[in-house]
Amino acid sequence: MRAARLCWALGLPLPARYRELQAKIGHRFKQSHSLAEVYAEAERLEREEGPLLWNRGDAVRGAGCLTTSI
């Protein structure tokens, strides 16, 4: 979820694109959970905790925009 939220903070559309692609092809990239589930949980965290804040020049370490940790 953190990676999806970081993508949103950076203005990257990857979480939505991959969620839509997964739904379109009917295949899960990870069998344990779908990207739609990850996306929904990330949205819940955004509502609960507020958006992640990132400013140009802030360090971004160890966060891949497709890595999830459910």
PDB file of N, CA and C in Angstrom:
ATOM      1  N   MET A   1       0.816  -1.186   0.000  1.00  0.00           N
ATOM      2  CA  MET A   1       0.000   0.000   0.000  1.00  0.00           C
ATOM      3  C   MET A   1       0.861   1.252   0.000  1.00  0.00           C
ATOM      4  N   ARG A   2       1.972   1.196   0.739  1.00  0.00           N
ATOM      5  CA  ARG A   2       2.849   2.366   0.780  1.00  0.00           C
ATOM      6  C   ARG A   2       3.334   2.747  -0.609  1.00  0.00           C
ATOM      7  N   ALA A   3       3.669   1.756  -1.411  1.00  0.00           N
ATOM      8  CA  ALA A   3       4.173   2.041  -2.755  1.00  0.00           C
ATOM      9  C   ALA A   3       3.102   2.717  -3.605  1.00  0.00           C
ATOM     10  N   ALA A   4       1.867   2.249  -3.516  1.00  0.00           N
ATOM     11  CA  ALA A   4       0.778   2.886  -4.273  1.00  0.00           C
ATOM     12  C   ALA A   4       0.598   4.318  -3.809  1.00  0.00           C
ATOM     13  N   ARG A   5       0.635   4.529  -2.515  1.00  0.00           N
ATOM     14  CA  ARG A   5       0.476   5.884  -1.976  1.00  0.00           C
ATOM     15  C   ARG A   5       1.637   6.782  -2.375  1.00  0.00           C
ATOM     16  N   LEU A   6       2.833   6.225  -2.412  1.00  0.00           N
ATOM     17  CA  LEU A   6       3.989   7.008  -2.841  1.00  0.00           C
ATOM     18  C   LEU A   6       3.847   7.386  -4.313  1.00  0.00           C
ATOM     19  N   CYS A   7       3.366   6.464  -5.127  1.00  0.00           N
ATOM     20  CA  CYS A   7       3.133   6.784  -6.536  1.00  0.00           C
ATOM     21  C   CYS A   7       2.157   7.946  -6.659  1.00  0.00           C
ATOM     22  N   TRP A   8       1.094   7.936  -5.860  1.00  0.00           N
ATOM     23  CA  TRP A   8       0.133   9.042  -5.892  1.00  0.00           C
ATOM     24  C   TRP A   8       0.802  10.348  -5.487  1.00  0.00           C
ATOM     25  N   ALA A   9       1.630  10.313  -4.435  1.00  0.00           N
ATOM     26  CA  ALA A   9       2.316  11.524  -3.967  1.00  0.00           C
ATOM     27  C   ALA A   9       3.254  12.077  -5.045  1.00  0.00           C
ATOM     28  N   LEU A  10       3.843  11.182  -5.826  1.00  0.00           N
ATOM     29  CA  LEU A  10       4.762  11.586  -6.891  1.00  0.00           C
ATOM     30  C   LEU A  10       4.029  11.913  -8.192  1.00  0.00           C
ATOM     31  N   GLY A  11       2.713  11.705  -8.191  1.00  0.00           N
ATOM     32  CA  GLY A  11       1.929  11.987  -9.388  1.00  0.00           C
ATOM     33  C   GLY A  11       2.051  10.923 -10.468  1.00  0.00           C
ATOM     34  N   LEU A  12       2.402   9.707 -10.073  1.00  0.00           N
ATOM     35  CA  LEU A  12       2.550   8.607 -11.029  1.00  0.00           C
ATOM     36  C   LEU A  12       1.251   7.813 -11.119  1.00  0.00           C
ATOM     37  N   PRO A  13       0.771   7.527 -12.324  1.00  0.00           N
ATOM     38  CA  PRO A  13      -0.502   6.828 -12.497  1.00  0.00           C
ATOM     39  C   PRO A  13      -0.388   5.308 -12.470  1.00  0.00           C
ATOM     40  N   LEU A  14       0.762   4.766 -12.117  1.00  0.00           N
ATOM     41  CA  LEU A  14       0.969   3.319 -12.235  1.00  0.00           C
ATOM     42  C   LEU A  14      -0.017   2.460 -11.451  1.00  0.00           C
ATOM     43  N   PRO A  15      -0.356   2.771 -10.211  1.00  0.00           N
ATOM     44  CA  PRO A  15      -1.292   1.877  -9.501  1.00  0.00           C
ATOM     45  C   PRO A  15      -2.615   1.694 -10.248  1.00  0.00           C
ATOM     46  N   ALA A  16      -3.187   2.779 -10.741  1.00  0.00           N
ATOM     47  CA  ALA A  16      -4.465   2.680 -11.461  1.00  0.00           C
ATOM     48  C   ALA A  16      -4.289   1.922 -12.776  1.00  0.00           C
ATOM     49  N   ARG A  17      -3.201   2.185 -13.478  1.00  0.00           N
ATOM     50  CA  ARG A  17      -2.959   1.491 -14.751  1.00  0.00           C
ATOM     51  C   ARG A  17      -2.851  -0.012 -14.555  1.00  0.00           C
ATOM     52  N   TYR A  18      -2.084  -0.421 -13.558  1.00  0.00           N
ATOM     53  CA  TYR A  18      -1.912  -1.859 -13.331  1.00  0.00           C
ATOM     54  C   TYR A  18      -3.185  -2.503 -12.790  1.00  0.00           C
ATOM     55  N   ARG A  19      -3.932  -1.782 -11.969  1.00  0.00           N
ATOM     56  CA  ARG A  19      -5.215  -2.314 -11.485  1.00  0.00           C
ATOM     57  C   ARG A  19      -6.151  -2.554 -12.671  1.00  0.00           C
ATOM     58  N   GLU A  20      -6.222  -1.574 -13.581  1.00  0.00           N
ATOM     59  CA  GLU A  20      -7.078  -1.699 -14.755  1.00  0.00           C
ATOM     60  C   GLU A  20      -6.596  -2.812 -15.686  1.00  0.00           C
ATOM     61  N   LEU A  21      -5.289  -2.922 -15.867  1.00  0.00           N
ATOM     62  CA  LEU A  21      -4.735  -3.974 -16.719  1.00  0.00           C
ATOM     63  C   LEU A  21      -5.056  -5.352 -16.148  1.00  0.00           C
ATOM     64  N   GLN A  22      -4.901  -5.495 -14.834  1.00  0.00           N
ATOM     65  CA  GLN A  22      -5.187  -6.780 -14.197  1.00  0.00           C
ATOM     66  C   GLN A  22      -6.652  -7.158 -14.392  1.00  0.00           C
ATOM     67  N   ALA A  23      -7.540  -6.195 -14.242  1.00  0.00           N
ATOM     68  CA  ALA A  23      -8.971  -6.467 -14.440  1.00  0.00           C
ATOM     69  C   ALA A  23      -9.265  -6.806 -15.907  1.00  0.00           C
ATOM     70  N   LYS A  24      -8.614  -6.093 -16.816  1.00  0.00           N
ATOM     71  CA  LYS A  24      -8.863  -6.300 -18.244  1.00  0.00           C
ATOM     72  C   LYS A  24      -8.428  -7.685 -18.708  1.00  0.00           C
ATOM     73  N   ILE A  25      -7.265  -8.138 -18.267  1.00  0.00           N
ATOM     74  CA  ILE A  25      -6.767  -9.432 -18.744  1.00  0.00           C
ATOM     75  C   ILE A  25      -7.233 -10.593 -17.873  1.00  0.00           C
ATOM     76  N   GLY A  26      -7.825 -10.280 -16.712  1.00  0.00           N
ATOM     77  CA  GLY A  26      -8.346 -11.332 -15.849  1.00  0.00           C
ATOM     78  C   GLY A  26      -7.271 -12.191 -15.222  1.00  0.00           C
ATOM     79  N   HIS A  27      -6.129 -11.593 -14.952  1.00  0.00           N
ATOM     80  CA  HIS A  27      -5.005 -12.334 -14.376  1.00  0.00           C
ATOM     81  C   HIS A  27      -4.426 -11.555 -13.206  1.00  0.00           C
ATOM     82  N   ARG A  28      -4.133 -12.258 -12.127  1.00  0.00           N
ATOM     83  CA  ARG A  28      -3.489 -11.628 -10.971  1.00  0.00           C
ATOM     84  C   ARG A  28      -1.982 -11.755 -11.115  1.00  0.00           C
ATOM     85  N   PHE A  29      -1.270 -10.673 -10.894  1.00  0.00           N
ATOM     86  CA  PHE A  29       0.181 -10.721 -10.945  1.00  0.00           C
ATOM     87  C   PHE A  29       0.740 -11.396  -9.700  1.00  0.00           C
ATOM     88  N   LYS A  30      -0.016 -11.325  -8.604  1.00  0.00           N
ATOM     89  CA  LYS A  30       0.299 -12.062  -7.378  1.00  0.00           C
ATOM     90  C   LYS A  30      -0.955 -12.821  -6.996  1.00  0.00           C
ATOM     91  N   GLN A  31      -0.835 -14.101  -6.764  1.00  0.00           N
ATOM     92  CA  GLN A  31      -2.013 -14.901  -6.454  1.00  0.00           C
ATOM     93  C   GLN A  31      -2.611 -14.569  -5.090  1.00  0.00           C
ATOM     94  N   SER A  32      -1.779 -14.088  -4.153  1.00  0.00           N
ATOM     95  CA  SER A  32      -2.259 -13.847  -2.790  1.00  0.00           C
ATOM     96  C   SER A  32      -3.249 -12.690  -2.692  1.00  0.00           C
ATOM     97  N   HIS A  33      -3.153 -11.721  -3.598  1.00  0.00           N
ATOM     98  CA  HIS A  33      -4.076 -10.588  -3.568  1.00  0.00           C
ATOM     99  C   HIS A  33      -4.055  -9.872  -4.913  1.00  0.00           C
ATOM    100  N   SER A  34      -5.162  -9.241  -5.229  1.00  0.00           N
ATOM    101  CA  SER A  34      -5.249  -8.520  -6.497  1.00  0.00           C
ATOM    102  C   SER A  34      -4.798  -7.080  -6.297  1.00  0.00           C
ATOM    103  N   LEU A  35      -4.457  -6.425  -7.381  1.00  0.00           N
ATOM    104  CA  LEU A  35      -4.097  -5.015  -7.297  1.00  0.00           C
ATOM    105  C   LEU A  35      -5.309  -4.169  -6.917  1.00  0.00           C
ATOM    106  N   ALA A  36      -6.497  -4.628  -7.251  1.00  0.00           N
ATOM    107  CA  ALA A  36      -7.704  -3.912  -6.835  1.00  0.00           C
ATOM    108  C   ALA A  36      -7.802  -3.905  -5.312  1.00  0.00           C
ATOM    109  N   GLU A  37      -7.437  -5.018  -4.668  1.00  0.00           N
ATOM    110  CA  GLU A  37      -7.445  -5.084  -3.203  1.00  0.00           C
ATOM    111  C   GLU A  37      -6.387  -4.157  -2.613  1.00  0.00           C
ATOM    112  N   VAL A  38      -5.206  -4.156  -3.205  1.00  0.00           N
ATOM    113  CA  VAL A  38      -4.128  -3.270  -2.746  1.00  0.00           C
ATOM    114  C   VAL A  38      -4.552  -1.815  -2.907  1.00  0.00           C
ATOM    115  N   TYR A  39      -5.122  -1.487  -4.057  1.00  0.00           N
ATOM    116  CA  TYR A  39      -5.569  -0.126  -4.357  1.00  0.00           C
ATOM    117  C   TYR A  39      -6.640   0.322  -3.355  1.00  0.00           C
ATOM    118  N   ALA A  40      -7.598  -0.546  -3.083  1.00  0.00           N
ATOM    119  CA  ALA A  40      -8.670  -0.208  -2.136  1.00  0.00           C
ATOM    120  C   ALA A  40      -8.110   0.033  -0.736  1.00  0.00           C
ATOM    121  N   GLU A  41      -7.162  -0.788  -0.313  1.00  0.00           N
ATOM    122  CA  GLU A  41      -6.563  -0.599   1.007  1.00  0.00           C
ATOM    123  C   GLU A  41      -5.737   0.682   1.054  1.00  0.00           C
ATOM    124  N   ALA A  42      -5.026   0.987  -0.016  1.00  0.00           N
ATOM    125  CA  ALA A  42      -4.259   2.234  -0.083  1.00  0.00           C
ATOM    126  C   ALA A  42      -5.199   3.441  -0.018  1.00  0.00           C
ATOM    127  N   GLU A  43      -6.333   3.355  -0.705  1.00  0.00           N
ATOM    128  CA  GLU A  43      -7.324   4.441  -0.641  1.00  0.00           C
ATOM    129  C   GLU A  43      -7.868   4.601   0.774  1.00  0.00           C
ATOM    130  N   ARG A  44      -8.112   3.478   1.453  1.00  0.00           N
ATOM    131  CA  ARG A  44      -8.602   3.535   2.827  1.00  0.00           C
ATOM    132  C   ARG A  44      -7.575   4.230   3.725  1.00  0.00           C
ATOM    133  N   LEU A  45      -6.305   3.869   3.572  1.00  0.00           N
ATOM    134  CA  LEU A  45      -5.248   4.494   4.368  1.00  0.00           C
ATOM    135  C   LEU A  45      -5.123   5.980   4.066  1.00  0.00           C
ATOM    136  N   GLU A  46      -5.305   6.363   2.810  1.00  0.00           N
ATOM    137  CA  GLU A  46      -5.263   7.785   2.444  1.00  0.00           C
ATOM    138  C   GLU A  46      -6.367   8.552   3.167  1.00  0.00           C
ATOM    139  N   ARG A  47      -7.559   7.954   3.221  1.00  0.00           N
ATOM    140  CA  ARG A  47      -8.677   8.615   3.921  1.00  0.00           C
ATOM    141  C   ARG A  47      -8.402   8.691   5.415  1.00  0.00           C
ATOM    142  N   GLU A  48      -7.879   7.600   5.973  1.00  0.00           N
ATOM    143  CA  GLU A  48      -7.656   7.502   7.416  1.00  0.00           C
ATOM    144  C   GLU A  48      -6.470   8.352   7.889  1.00  0.00           C
ATOM    145  N   GLU A  49      -5.360   8.293   7.160  1.00  0.00           N
ATOM    146  CA  GLU A  49      -4.127   8.942   7.592  1.00  0.00           C
ATOM    147  C   GLU A  49      -3.818  10.236   6.853  1.00  0.00           C
ATOM    148  N   GLY A  50      -4.533  10.479   5.760  1.00  0.00           N
ATOM    149  CA  GLY A  50      -4.210  11.621   4.914  1.00  0.00           C
ATOM    150  C   GLY A  50      -3.149  11.213   3.906  1.00  0.00           C
ATOM    151  N   PRO A  51      -2.969  12.034   2.890  1.00  0.00           N
ATOM    152  CA  PRO A  51      -2.021  11.682   1.840  1.00  0.00           C
ATOM    153  C   PRO A  51      -0.573  11.751   2.320  1.00  0.00           C
ATOM    154  N   LEU A  52       0.275  10.934   1.702  1.00  0.00           N
ATOM    155  CA  LEU A  52       1.708  11.047   1.947  1.00  0.00           C
ATOM    156  C   LEU A  52       2.170  12.361   1.341  1.00  0.00           C
ATOM    157  N   LEU A  53       3.087  13.007   2.008  1.00  0.00           N
ATOM    158  CA  LEU A  53       3.612  14.265   1.501  1.00  0.00           C
ATOM    159  C   LEU A  53       5.019  14.051   0.981  1.00  0.00           C
ATOM    160  N   TRP A  54       5.283  14.590  -0.187  1.00  0.00           N
ATOM    161  CA  TRP A  54       6.609  14.504  -0.784  1.00  0.00           C
ATOM    162  C   TRP A  54       6.869  15.807  -1.499  1.00  0.00           C
ATOM    163  N   ASN A  55       8.033  16.365  -1.246  1.00  0.00           N
ATOM    164  CA  ASN A  55       8.445  17.590  -1.921  1.00  0.00           C
ATOM    165  C   ASN A  55       9.696  17.310  -2.729  1.00  0.00           C
ATOM    166  N   ARG A  56       9.815  17.976  -3.855  1.00  0.00           N
ATOM    167  CA  ARG A  56      11.002  17.816  -4.694  1.00  0.00           C
ATOM    168  C   ARG A  56      12.245  18.012  -3.834  1.00  0.00           C
ATOM    169  N   GLY A  57      13.157  17.069  -3.912  1.00  0.00           N
ATOM    170  CA  GLY A  57      14.368  17.120  -3.104  1.00  0.00           C
ATOM    171  C   GLY A  57      14.331  16.170  -1.915  1.00  0.00           C
ATOM    172  N   ASP A  58      13.127  15.720  -1.519  1.00  0.00           N
ATOM    173  CA  ASP A  58      13.030  14.736  -0.444  1.00  0.00           C
ATOM    174  C   ASP A  58      13.610  13.415  -0.922  1.00  0.00           C
ATOM    175  N   ALA A  59      14.263  12.702  -0.040  1.00  0.00           N
ATOM    176  CA  ALA A  59      14.826  11.397  -0.383  1.00  0.00           C
ATOM    177  C   ALA A  59      13.712  10.362  -0.489  1.00  0.00           C
ATOM    178  N   VAL A  60      13.814   9.499  -1.462  1.00  0.00           N
ATOM    179  CA  VAL A  60      12.902   8.377  -1.620  1.00  0.00           C
ATOM    180  C   VAL A  60      13.788   7.143  -1.657  1.00  0.00           C
ATOM    181  N   ARG A  61      13.687   6.310  -0.635  1.00  0.00           N
ATOM    182  CA  ARG A  61      14.539   5.124  -0.549  1.00  0.00           C
ATOM    183  C   ARG A  61      13.721   3.874  -0.362  1.00  0.00           C
ATOM    184  N   GLY A  62      14.089   2.822  -1.064  1.00  0.00           N
ATOM    185  CA  GLY A  62      13.492   1.518  -0.865  1.00  0.00           C
ATOM    186  C   GLY A  62      12.024   1.415  -1.198  1.00  0.00           C
ATOM    187  N   ALA A  63      11.528   2.266  -2.065  1.00  0.00           N
ATOM    188  CA  ALA A  63      10.105   2.211  -2.397  1.00  0.00           C
ATOM    189  C   ALA A  63       9.953   2.009  -3.889  1.00  0.00           C
ATOM    190  N   GLY A  64       9.512   0.825  -4.272  1.00  0.00           N
ATOM    191  CA  GLY A  64       9.188   0.579  -5.680  1.00  0.00           C
ATOM    192  C   GLY A  64       7.703   0.801  -5.854  1.00  0.00           C
ATOM    193  N   CYS A  65       7.315   1.376  -6.935  1.00  0.00           N
ATOM    194  CA  CYS A  65       5.900   1.710  -7.114  1.00  0.00           C
ATOM    195  C   CYS A  65       5.009   0.512  -7.344  1.00  0.00           C
ATOM    196  N   LEU A  66       5.572  -0.664  -7.417  1.00  0.00           N
ATOM    197  CA  LEU A  66       4.730  -1.844  -7.560  1.00  0.00           C
ATOM    198  C   LEU A  66       4.910  -2.814  -6.392  1.00  0.00           C
ATOM    199  N   THR A  67       5.755  -2.482  -5.455  1.00  0.00           N
ATOM    200  CA  THR A  67       5.971  -3.337  -4.304  1.00  0.00           C
ATOM    201  C   THR A  67       4.811  -3.175  -3.337  1.00  0.00           C
ATOM    202  N   THR A  68       4.318  -4.282  -2.824  1.00  0.00           N
ATOM    203  CA  THR A  68       3.232  -4.226  -1.858  1.00  0.00           C
ATOM    204  C   THR A  68       3.599  -5.018  -0.633  1.00  0.00           C
ATOM    205  N   SER A  69       2.974  -4.679   0.472  1.00  0.00           N
ATOM    206  CA  SER A  69       3.207  -5.442   1.699  1.00  0.00           C
ATOM    207  C   SER A  69       1.901  -5.601   2.452  1.00  0.00           C
ATOM    208  N   ILE A  70       1.092  -6.544   2.007  1.00  0.00           N
ATOM    209  CA  ILE A  70      -0.189  -6.792   2.680  1.00  0.00           C
ATOM    210  C   ILE A  70       0.075  -7.743   3.818  1.00  0.00           C
TER     211      ILE A  70
END
